[in-house]
Amino acid sequence: MKIFIKDNRYKKIFNKILFLNTANYSMLLLALLVEYILHINGFWETSFKLIIIGIFFYSTYQALIHLYYTFWSFTLISFIYTINGITDSYHLANSQLLQIYSLSLISLCFETYLLSSPIYYPRIRWWVYDFRCRGDVVIKVKNLKDRWNDGLHPGRLTDLRRGAGCVVMFDYHSVMERLVVYAEAEYSEIKLQAEIVSVREYSFGRGYIYGVRFILEDYEDKRIYYDFLQYWKGIKRELDHIDNIYLSDNFDSTV
């Protein structure tokens, strides 16, 4: 898998994310050192935890650089470890450790918030049993660079959050190119301009996954986006309900 991000704004945000990730594990290492100095942990236990934290830091960093989804598994374990550290510090009435683990948790929360965008990690609804109930919206896309070509490229909108979206197409478009996205809403067709910020390229035949930022320059654009977002959420709730019924019927038939 290859991924490309060239937008300076999102590169700066990504650098902040890398800093927060380093700060999180630095706090965990500092807490480990304090626990050893205060004789809370012995030498061998401290050494073992040091190795584990080092492995997790390296693995998380590599997952971030390539934006692998394994990052969320490592983050979940790190979150549980940090919460456990906060709980133990509270029971030990150790304010220093409590502050260190709290700072680690704050860094982790900010990091995950910044990453929770379709630009970096589009949501994959793997828990949906039937692919027809995934909530994808069929769209048509026009690349504004193709001034002499009126053709529309078919695609699917698979995620929509925080002014950004995930567009899946088999046609290749470069980062920083501007698109016009056409989609059927509840009562009419909507049209929104977007800019490609990231491109995920998997193996041949799986299509390109584009992280796009919607260009909302005036009130009308914001209104259209907000109305479409509510329509999108309504579709997801309805399809989730249908999928749950389908799963329940299949389960009952096998019992």
Protein backbone atom coordinates (compact mmCIF):
# COMPACT_ATOMS: atom_id res chain seq x y z
CA MET A 1 0.00 0.00 0.00
CA LYS A 2 1.20 3.51 -0.84
CA ILE A 3 -0.13 6.77 0.56
CA PHE A 4 0.63 10.33 -0.52
CA ILE A 5 0.00 13.58 1.40
CA LYS A 6 1.32 16.84 -0.07
CA ASP A 7 -0.93 19.52 1.39
CA ASN A 8 1.26 21.72 3.64
CA ARG A 9 -1.54 22.27 6.14
CA TYR A 10 -2.11 18.55 6.66
CA LYS A 11 1.64 17.89 6.66
CA LYS A 12 1.95 20.30 9.61
CA ILE A 13 -0.93 18.56 11.39
CA PHE A 14 0.73 15.20 10.73
CA ASN A 15 4.00 16.48 12.21
CA LYS A 16 2.05 17.50 15.33
CA ILE A 17 0.61 13.99 15.46
CA LEU A 18 4.11 12.47 15.34
CA PHE A 19 5.21 14.84 18.12
CA LEU A 20 2.20 13.88 20.28
CA ASN A 21 2.95 10.20 19.72
CA THR A 22 6.56 10.74 20.84
CA ALA A 23 5.37 12.80 23.83
CA ASN A 24 2.96 10.04 24.86
CA TYR A 25 5.64 7.34 24.97
CA SER A 26 8.15 9.73 26.54
CA MET A 27 5.70 10.25 29.41
CA LEU A 28 5.32 6.48 29.78
CA LEU A 29 9.10 6.06 29.93
CA LEU A 30 9.35 8.86 32.50
CA ALA A 31 6.65 7.21 34.62
CA LEU A 32 8.53 3.91 34.39
CA LEU A 33 11.71 5.62 35.60
CA VAL A 34 9.89 7.26 38.53
CA GLU A 35 8.33 3.91 39.50
CA TYR A 36 11.80 2.33 39.55
CA ILE A 37 13.33 5.16 41.62
CA LEU A 38 10.48 4.90 44.13
CA HIS A 39 10.95 1.09 44.26
CA ILE A 40 7.40 0.48 43.01
CA ASN A 41 8.81 -1.82 40.34
CA GLY A 42 11.91 -3.98 40.55
CA PHE A 43 14.79 -4.08 38.07
CA TRP A 44 13.53 -7.01 35.99
CA GLU A 45 9.96 -5.75 35.82
CA THR A 46 11.21 -2.30 34.80
CA SER A 47 13.49 -3.82 32.13
CA PHE A 48 10.64 -5.90 30.72
CA LYS A 49 8.30 -2.91 30.56
CA LEU A 50 11.05 -0.81 28.98
CA ILE A 51 11.46 -3.33 26.16
CA ILE A 52 7.69 -3.55 25.61
CA ILE A 53 7.28 0.25 25.52
CA GLY A 54 10.20 0.51 23.08
CA ILE A 55 8.64 -2.10 20.78
CA PHE A 56 5.27 -0.37 20.96
CA PHE A 57 6.79 3.04 20.20
CA TYR A 58 8.63 1.72 17.14
CA SER A 59 5.58 -0.21 15.89
CA THR A 60 3.24 2.74 16.42
CA TYR A 61 5.64 5.12 14.68
CA GLN A 62 5.91 2.81 11.66
CA ALA A 63 2.12 2.39 11.57
CA LEU A 64 1.72 6.18 11.65
CA ILE A 65 4.27 6.83 8.91
CA HIS A 66 2.46 4.43 6.58
CA LEU A 67 -0.99 5.09 8.10
CA TYR A 68 -1.60 1.40 8.74
CA TYR A 69 -4.80 0.57 10.61
CA THR A 70 -2.77 -1.46 13.13
CA PHE A 71 -2.06 1.92 14.73
CA TRP A 72 -5.47 1.77 16.42
CA SER A 73 -4.73 -1.62 17.98
CA PHE A 74 -1.49 -0.31 19.49
CA THR A 75 -3.28 2.85 20.61
CA LEU A 76 -6.00 0.87 22.37
CA ILE A 77 -3.42 -1.15 24.33
CA SER A 78 -1.51 2.05 25.16
CA PHE A 79 -4.76 3.65 26.33
CA ILE A 80 -5.51 0.70 28.65
CA TYR A 81 -1.95 0.78 30.01
CA THR A 82 -2.17 4.53 30.69
CA ILE A 83 -5.56 4.26 32.42
CA ASN A 84 -4.18 1.44 34.56
CA GLY A 85 -1.22 3.67 35.47
CA ILE A 86 -3.55 6.50 36.47
CA THR A 87 -5.59 4.12 38.64
CA ASP A 88 -2.50 2.70 40.37
CA SER A 89 -1.09 6.20 40.94
CA TYR A 90 -4.36 7.27 42.52
CA HIS A 91 -4.36 4.28 44.88
CA LEU A 92 -0.71 4.93 45.76
CA ALA A 93 -1.53 8.62 46.36
CA ASN A 94 1.47 9.56 44.21
CA SER A 95 0.80 12.96 42.63
CA GLN A 96 3.93 12.90 40.43
CA LEU A 97 2.99 9.66 38.73
CA LEU A 98 -0.62 10.78 38.45
CA GLN A 99 0.45 13.95 36.62
CA ILE A 100 2.79 12.07 34.28
CA TYR A 101 0.20 9.47 33.31
CA SER A 102 -2.44 12.21 32.91
CA LEU A 103 -0.17 14.11 30.51
CA SER A 104 0.37 10.88 28.58
CA LEU A 105 -3.38 10.36 28.33
CA ILE A 106 -3.96 13.96 27.17
CA SER A 107 -1.32 13.53 24.42
CA LEU A 108 -2.93 10.28 23.35
CA CYS A 109 -6.41 11.83 23.20
CA PHE A 110 -5.25 14.80 21.12
CA GLU A 111 -3.35 12.47 18.80
CA THR A 112 -6.33 10.21 18.15
CA TYR A 113 -8.65 13.21 17.66
CA LEU A 114 -6.40 14.69 14.97
CA LEU A 115 -6.17 11.31 13.24
CA SER A 116 -9.93 10.65 13.32
CA SER A 117 -10.46 12.14 9.88
CA PRO A 118 -11.14 10.53 6.49
CA ILE A 119 -7.99 12.30 5.31
CA TYR A 120 -5.82 9.91 7.34
CA TYR A 121 -8.00 6.99 8.37
CA PRO A 122 -11.30 6.56 6.51
CA ARG A 123 -13.68 4.39 8.48
CA ILE A 124 -14.10 0.86 7.19
CA ARG A 125 -17.41 -0.62 8.23
CA TRP A 126 -16.03 -4.17 8.54
CA TRP A 127 -18.70 -5.11 11.06
CA VAL A 128 -21.47 -4.78 8.43
CA TYR A 129 -22.37 -8.30 7.36
CA ASP A 130 -23.96 -7.46 4.00
CA PHE A 131 -21.91 -5.24 1.65
CA ARG A 132 -25.18 -3.70 0.38
CA CYS A 133 -25.68 -2.19 3.84
CA ARG A 134 -22.33 -0.46 4.15
CA GLY A 135 -23.83 3.00 3.67
CA ASP A 136 -21.73 3.93 0.64
CA VAL A 137 -23.20 6.66 -1.53
CA VAL A 138 -22.86 6.40 -5.30
CA ILE A 139 -21.32 9.58 -6.69
CA LYS A 140 -20.01 11.05 -9.92
CA VAL A 141 -16.82 13.07 -9.98
CA LYS A 142 -15.46 15.64 -12.37
CA ASN A 143 -11.82 16.69 -12.24
CA LEU A 144 -11.57 20.46 -12.74
CA LYS A 145 -8.18 19.93 -14.35
CA ASP A 146 -9.91 18.23 -17.30
CA ARG A 147 -11.31 21.43 -18.78
CA TRP A 148 -11.88 19.93 -22.20
CA ASN A 149 -13.41 16.71 -20.92
CA ASP A 150 -17.03 16.78 -19.79
CA GLY A 151 -17.00 13.13 -18.72
CA LEU A 152 -17.86 12.17 -15.14
CA HIS A 153 -15.97 9.48 -13.26
CA PRO A 154 -18.06 7.00 -11.23
CA GLY A 155 -17.14 6.50 -7.59
CA ARG A 156 -18.40 5.89 -4.09
CA LEU A 157 -18.37 8.10 -1.01
CA THR A 158 -17.58 5.79 1.91
CA ASP A 159 -16.93 8.25 4.75
CA LEU A 160 -18.01 11.79 5.59
CA ARG A 161 -16.81 13.63 8.70
CA ARG A 162 -15.40 16.95 9.88
CA GLY A 163 -15.54 18.67 6.49
CA ALA A 164 -13.72 15.80 4.78
CA GLY A 165 -14.65 12.61 3.00
CA CYS A 166 -13.37 9.38 1.51
CA VAL A 167 -13.89 8.85 -2.22
CA VAL A 168 -13.17 5.48 -3.85
CA MET A 169 -12.58 5.42 -7.61
CA PHE A 170 -10.72 3.33 -10.17
CA ASP A 171 -9.56 6.47 -11.99
CA TYR A 172 -6.28 7.99 -10.81
CA HIS A 173 -6.10 11.65 -9.78
CA SER A 174 -3.15 13.45 -8.25
CA VAL A 175 -2.92 15.01 -4.81
CA MET A 176 -3.93 18.71 -4.71
CA GLU A 177 -6.26 18.38 -7.71
CA ARG A 178 -9.75 19.79 -7.32
CA LEU A 179 -12.88 17.77 -7.94
CA VAL A 180 -16.58 18.43 -8.24
CA VAL A 181 -18.58 15.74 -6.42
CA TYR A 182 -22.14 15.06 -7.56
CA ALA A 183 -24.42 12.95 -5.37
CA GLU A 184 -28.11 12.25 -5.05
CA ALA A 185 -29.53 13.62 -1.80
CA GLU A 186 -33.03 13.19 -0.41
CA TYR A 187 -34.82 15.58 -2.75
CA SER A 188 -32.23 16.76 -5.26
CA GLU A 189 -28.71 16.33 -6.57
CA ILE A 190 -26.01 18.09 -4.62
CA LYS A 191 -22.76 19.48 -5.95
CA LEU A 192 -19.70 20.16 -3.78
CA GLN A 193 -16.14 21.09 -4.63
CA ALA A 194 -13.37 19.13 -2.97
CA GLU A 195 -9.59 18.97 -2.99
CA ILE A 196 -7.63 15.73 -2.91
CA VAL A 197 -5.37 15.70 0.15
CA SER A 198 -4.30 12.05 0.38
CA VAL A 199 -4.29 9.01 -1.89
CA ARG A 200 -4.22 5.40 -0.69
CA GLU A 201 -3.05 3.01 -3.36
CA TYR A 202 -3.61 -0.68 -2.68
CA SER A 203 -2.99 -3.62 -4.98
CA PHE A 204 -4.15 -3.60 -8.58
CA GLY A 205 -7.90 -3.93 -9.03
CA ARG A 206 -8.94 -2.45 -5.67
CA GLY A 207 -9.27 1.16 -6.73
CA TYR A 208 -7.78 4.34 -5.28
CA ILE A 209 -8.95 5.71 -1.93
CA TYR A 210 -8.91 9.50 -1.88
CA GLY A 211 -9.04 11.60 1.27
CA VAL A 212 -10.70 14.82 0.16
CA ARG A 213 -11.30 18.15 1.88
CA PHE A 214 -14.54 19.82 0.93
CA ILE A 215 -14.16 23.47 -0.07
CA LEU A 216 -16.82 25.36 1.88
CA GLU A 217 -16.19 28.98 0.98
CA ASP A 218 -19.59 30.54 1.62
CA TYR A 219 -22.80 29.99 3.54
CA GLU A 220 -24.50 28.14 0.68
CA ASP A 221 -21.68 25.59 0.43
CA LYS A 222 -21.79 25.02 4.20
CA ARG A 223 -25.57 24.62 4.11
CA ILE A 224 -25.40 22.06 1.29
CA TYR A 225 -22.66 20.14 3.10
CA TYR A 226 -24.55 20.14 6.41
CA ASP A 227 -27.81 18.97 4.76
CA PHE A 228 -25.95 16.22 2.91
CA LEU A 229 -24.21 15.17 6.14
CA GLN A 230 -27.58 14.74 7.85
CA TYR A 231 -28.84 12.76 4.85
CA TRP A 232 -25.70 10.60 5.04
CA LYS A 233 -26.22 9.89 8.74
CA GLY A 234 -29.85 8.98 8.09
CA ILE A 235 -28.82 6.47 5.42
CA LYS A 236 -26.28 4.86 7.75
CA ARG A 237 -28.83 4.52 10.58
CA GLU A 238 -31.38 2.97 8.24
CA LEU A 239 -28.90 0.53 6.70
CA ASP A 240 -27.50 -0.42 10.11
CA HIS A 241 -31.04 -1.24 11.21
CA ILE A 242 -31.60 -3.39 8.11
CA ASP A 243 -28.27 -5.19 8.62
CA ASN A 244 -29.09 -5.91 12.27
CA ILE A 245 -32.44 -7.42 11.24
CA TYR A 246 -30.70 -9.52 8.59
CA LEU A 247 -28.15 -10.78 11.11
CA SER A 248 -30.88 -11.57 13.63
CA ASP A 249 -32.92 -13.52 11.07
CA ASN A 250 -29.87 -15.54 10.00
CA PHE A 251 -28.97 -16.28 13.62
CA ASP A 252 -32.51 -17.43 14.42
CA SER A 253 -32.55 -19.68 11.37
CA THR A 254 -29.35 -21.43 12.47
CA VAL A 255 -30.48 -22.04 16.05
